[in-house]
Structures are given as structure tokens and as C-alpha cells.
Amino acid sequence: MKNEGLNAEQRKQKTMMTRAGNVQGGNDELRAYTLEELEQLHKEYMIKMDKIFTIDKKEGLLVINVEYPYCIELSRLKSKKDVLAWVAHICEKTWVDTDIIWEFIDRIFKHRKWKMDNP
């Protein structure tokens, strides 16, 4: 199902189903999930991401631990432009996937108390 012609709620449901499939091991098939299943999948996803991402305020580091601890000094992430440059940089790593990129951006924005600008 393509996103063209879908209303906002349908796009949201498609995204939730796709992300839920990714949490379960990258299954490309879409299926309907109950609210309880989605909540459980989201909880499992967040537990997984919380193990991967750590912000060490004392040391001033963001640590991404997928295959090994990869540290980025928070002082190097002062602007949204900096974040974009780091996204381009970490995309070259073999252990990076779309979930890692999304969480990297989301966690830095939350840490900096930035809002996502609408496209």
C-alpha cells in the first residue's frame, strides 16, 4: 500500500504496522495489530533502544552501543545542522539501520529540547 491517497490516520496506521513489523525482525508483511499488541511492541522497541542509546551527562557523551560503544561528544551536537552532519557520518557504519538513525535524531532533539520542524 502506497502512502498516496491515504488520509492522515491511514498513514499513521501503516507506519505503526510497518514499525511493528521491524521490531519483530524486519518482517515486510503488514498485518493488523490490536492496540495491546502495538503497545507491547512499542515497549519492547523502547527497551531495545534504551539499551543501545545512553546519554552520559556527566561525561557529556551520547553513546550508541550496537556492536561496540560508539561515543559522540554532545558538544559536537549543538545545532540541527550538526545533527544532520552526524546522521550522514553514522550512515556509513555497518551497524546503522533506519531505527538507529531515527532514535539518534529523536534522542538528540529531546535532549536539546528542540522541536521537529514540519516539512
C-alpha atoms as a PDB file:
ATOM      1  CA  MET A   1       0.000   0.000   0.000  1.00  0.00           C
ATOM      2  CA  LYS A   2       1.473   3.331  -1.059  1.00  0.00           C
ATOM      3  CA  ASN A   3       1.030   6.478   1.003  1.00  0.00           C
ATOM      4  CA  GLU A   4      -0.564   8.428  -1.867  1.00  0.00           C
ATOM      5  CA  GLY A   5      -4.298   8.846  -1.407  1.00  0.00           C
ATOM      6  CA  LEU A   6      -4.239   7.858   2.265  1.00  0.00           C
ATOM      7  CA  ASN A   7      -5.614  10.133   4.918  1.00  0.00           C
ATOM      8  CA  ALA A   8      -3.529  11.025   7.978  1.00  0.00           C
ATOM      9  CA  GLU A   9      -4.999   8.242  10.131  1.00  0.00           C
ATOM     10  CA  GLN A  10      -4.360   5.598   7.446  1.00  0.00           C
ATOM     11  CA  ARG A  11      -0.735   6.776   7.039  1.00  0.00           C
ATOM     12  CA  LYS A  12      -0.286   6.607  10.822  1.00  0.00           C
ATOM     13  CA  GLN A  13      -1.706   3.060  10.927  1.00  0.00           C
ATOM     14  CA  LYS A  14       0.521   1.956   8.040  1.00  0.00           C
ATOM     15  CA  THR A  15       3.555   3.423   9.814  1.00  0.00           C
ATOM     16  CA  MET A  16       2.654   1.709  13.084  1.00  0.00           C
ATOM     17  CA  MET A  17       2.219  -1.610  11.298  1.00  0.00           C
ATOM     18  CA  THR A  18       5.498  -1.213   9.424  1.00  0.00           C
ATOM     19  CA  ARG A  19       7.431  -0.245  12.565  1.00  0.00           C
ATOM     20  CA  ALA A  20       5.809  -3.086  14.484  1.00  0.00           C
ATOM     21  CA  GLY A  21       6.986  -5.451  11.771  1.00  0.00           C
ATOM     22  CA  ASN A  22      10.503  -4.048  12.071  1.00  0.00           C
ATOM     23  CA  VAL A  23      10.543  -4.696  15.828  1.00  0.00           C
ATOM     24  CA  GLN A  24       9.651  -8.312  15.181  1.00  0.00           C
ATOM     25  CA  GLY A  25      12.646  -8.891  12.967  1.00  0.00           C
ATOM     26  CA  GLY A  26      12.041  -6.928   9.798  1.00  0.00           C
ATOM     27  CA  ASN A  27       9.041  -8.851   8.502  1.00  0.00           C
ATOM     28  CA  ASP A  28       7.884  -6.959   5.410  1.00  0.00           C
ATOM     29  CA  GLU A  29       4.304  -8.194   5.604  1.00  0.00           C
ATOM     30  CA  LEU A  30       1.753  -5.803   7.035  1.00  0.00           C
ATOM     31  CA  ARG A  31      -0.940  -7.081   9.311  1.00  0.00           C
ATOM     32  CA  ALA A  32      -3.440  -5.565  11.667  1.00  0.00           C
ATOM     33  CA  TYR A  33      -2.331  -5.248  15.287  1.00  0.00           C
ATOM     34  CA  THR A  34      -4.503  -4.777  18.317  1.00  0.00           C
ATOM     35  CA  LEU A  35      -3.822  -1.749  20.461  1.00  0.00           C
ATOM     36  CA  GLU A  36      -2.432  -4.048  23.151  1.00  0.00           C
ATOM     37  CA  GLU A  37      -0.059  -5.701  20.661  1.00  0.00           C
ATOM     38  CA  LEU A  38       1.146  -2.312  19.421  1.00  0.00           C
ATOM     39  CA  GLU A  39       1.702  -1.124  22.980  1.00  0.00           C
ATOM     40  CA  GLN A  40       3.692  -4.280  23.776  1.00  0.00           C
ATOM     41  CA  LEU A  41       5.744  -3.994  20.569  1.00  0.00           C
ATOM     42  CA  HIS A  42       6.445  -0.339  21.326  1.00  0.00           C
ATOM     43  CA  LYS A  43       7.505  -1.231  24.864  1.00  0.00           C
ATOM     44  CA  GLU A  44       9.881  -3.927  23.524  1.00  0.00           C
ATOM     45  CA  TYR A  45      11.240  -1.494  20.927  1.00  0.00           C
ATOM     46  CA  MET A  46      11.913   1.179  23.545  1.00  0.00           C
ATOM     47  CA  ILE A  47      13.631  -1.325  25.868  1.00  0.00           C
ATOM     48  CA  LYS A  48      15.859  -2.340  22.955  1.00  0.00           C
ATOM     49  CA  MET A  49      16.648   1.296  22.056  1.00  0.00           C
ATOM     50  CA  ASP A  50      17.272   2.238  25.705  1.00  0.00           C
ATOM     51  CA  LYS A  51      19.936  -0.477  25.823  1.00  0.00           C
ATOM     52  CA  ILE A  52      21.541   0.911  22.659  1.00  0.00           C
ATOM     53  CA  PHE A  53      21.414   4.650  23.457  1.00  0.00           C
ATOM     54  CA  THR A  54      22.785   6.315  26.568  1.00  0.00           C
ATOM     55  CA  ILE A  55      23.287   9.980  27.269  1.00  0.00           C
ATOM     56  CA  ASP A  56      26.052  10.376  29.808  1.00  0.00           C
ATOM     57  CA  LYS A  57      25.523  13.924  31.065  1.00  0.00           C
ATOM     58  CA  LYS A  58      28.493  13.733  33.433  1.00  0.00           C
ATOM     59  CA  GLU A  59      30.915  12.891  30.606  1.00  0.00           C
ATOM     60  CA  GLY A  60      28.978  14.894  28.008  1.00  0.00           C
ATOM     61  CA  LEU A  61      28.558  11.920  25.678  1.00  0.00           C
ATOM     62  CA  LEU A  62      25.919  10.213  23.600  1.00  0.00           C
ATOM     63  CA  VAL A  63      26.830   6.523  23.488  1.00  0.00           C
ATOM     64  CA  ILE A  64      25.407   4.296  20.750  1.00  0.00           C
ATOM     65  CA  ASN A  65      26.141   0.684  21.624  1.00  0.00           C
ATOM     66  CA  VAL A  66      25.178  -1.689  18.818  1.00  0.00           C
ATOM     67  CA  GLU A  67      28.283  -3.735  18.023  1.00  0.00           C
ATOM     68  CA  TYR A  68      30.561  -1.684  20.278  1.00  0.00           C
ATOM     69  CA  PRO A  69      30.235   1.589  22.217  1.00  0.00           C
ATOM     70  CA  TYR A  70      30.362   4.498  19.764  1.00  0.00           C
ATOM     71  CA  CYS A  71      30.707   7.806  21.602  1.00  0.00           C
ATOM     72  CA  ILE A  72      29.790  11.244  20.303  1.00  0.00           C
ATOM     73  CA  GLU A  73      30.567  14.323  22.362  1.00  0.00           C
ATOM     74  CA  LEU A  74      27.350  16.249  22.993  1.00  0.00           C
ATOM     75  CA  SER A  75      29.337  19.453  22.445  1.00  0.00           C
ATOM     76  CA  ARG A  76      29.587  18.395  18.783  1.00  0.00           C
ATOM     77  CA  LEU A  77      25.777  18.333  18.511  1.00  0.00           C
ATOM     78  CA  LYS A  78      24.917  21.976  19.162  1.00  0.00           C
ATOM     79  CA  SER A  79      22.711  22.630  16.142  1.00  0.00           C
ATOM     80  CA  LYS A  80      20.308  20.792  13.868  1.00  0.00           C
ATOM     81  CA  LYS A  81      22.917  21.203  11.138  1.00  0.00           C
ATOM     82  CA  ASP A  82      25.395  19.326  13.379  1.00  0.00           C
ATOM     83  CA  VAL A  83      22.870  16.520  13.826  1.00  0.00           C
ATOM     84  CA  LEU A  84      22.422  16.241  10.055  1.00  0.00           C
ATOM     85  CA  ALA A  85      26.192  16.030   9.564  1.00  0.00           C
ATOM     86  CA  TRP A  86      26.381  13.261  12.170  1.00  0.00           C
ATOM     87  CA  VAL A  87      23.499  11.394  10.519  1.00  0.00           C
ATOM     88  CA  ALA A  88      25.480  11.411   7.274  1.00  0.00           C
ATOM     89  CA  HIS A  89      28.552  10.215   9.178  1.00  0.00           C
ATOM     90  CA  ILE A  90      26.922   7.362  11.097  1.00  0.00           C
ATOM     91  CA  CYS A  91      25.092   6.184   7.968  1.00  0.00           C
ATOM     92  CA  GLU A  92      28.471   4.903   6.818  1.00  0.00           C
ATOM     93  CA  LYS A  93      28.634   2.486   9.762  1.00  0.00           C
ATOM     94  CA  THR A  94      27.712  -1.127   9.039  1.00  0.00           C
ATOM     95  CA  TRP A  95      25.679  -1.398  12.250  1.00  0.00           C
ATOM     96  CA  VAL A  96      23.350   1.515  11.453  1.00  0.00           C
ATOM     97  CA  ASP A  97      19.797   0.953  10.250  1.00  0.00           C
ATOM     98  CA  THR A  98      16.787   3.254   9.948  1.00  0.00           C
ATOM     99  CA  ASP A  99      15.732   2.646  13.566  1.00  0.00           C
ATOM    100  CA  ILE A 100      19.173   3.717  14.806  1.00  0.00           C
ATOM    101  CA  ILE A 101      19.045   6.872  12.684  1.00  0.00           C
ATOM    102  CA  TRP A 102      15.544   7.737  13.872  1.00  0.00           C
ATOM    103  CA  GLU A 103      16.425   7.168  17.538  1.00  0.00           C
ATOM    104  CA  PHE A 104      19.669   9.134  17.186  1.00  0.00           C
ATOM    105  CA  ILE A 105      17.761  12.143  15.858  1.00  0.00           C
ATOM    106  CA  ASP A 106      14.870  11.776  18.298  1.00  0.00           C
ATOM    107  CA  ARG A 107      17.069  11.425  21.376  1.00  0.00           C
ATOM    108  CA  ILE A 108      19.285  14.384  20.495  1.00  0.00           C
ATOM    109  CA  PHE A 109      16.242  16.564  19.796  1.00  0.00           C
ATOM    110  CA  LYS A 110      14.687  15.561  23.129  1.00  0.00           C
ATOM    111  CA  HIS A 111      17.969  16.112  24.970  1.00  0.00           C
ATOM    112  CA  ARG A 112      18.337  19.586  23.436  1.00  0.00           C
ATOM    113  CA  LYS A 113      14.592  20.273  23.893  1.00  0.00           C
ATOM    114  CA  TRP A 114      14.267  21.031  20.193  1.00  0.00           C
ATOM    115  CA  LYS A 115      11.032  20.619  18.253  1.00  0.00           C
ATOM    116  CA  MET A 116      10.862  18.779  14.959  1.00  0.00           C
ATOM    117  CA  ASP A 117      10.046  21.299  12.239  1.00  0.00           C
ATOM    118  CA  ASN A 118       7.230  20.375   9.917  1.00  0.00           C
ATOM    119  CA  PRO A 119       8.345  19.708   6.347  1.00  0.00           C
END
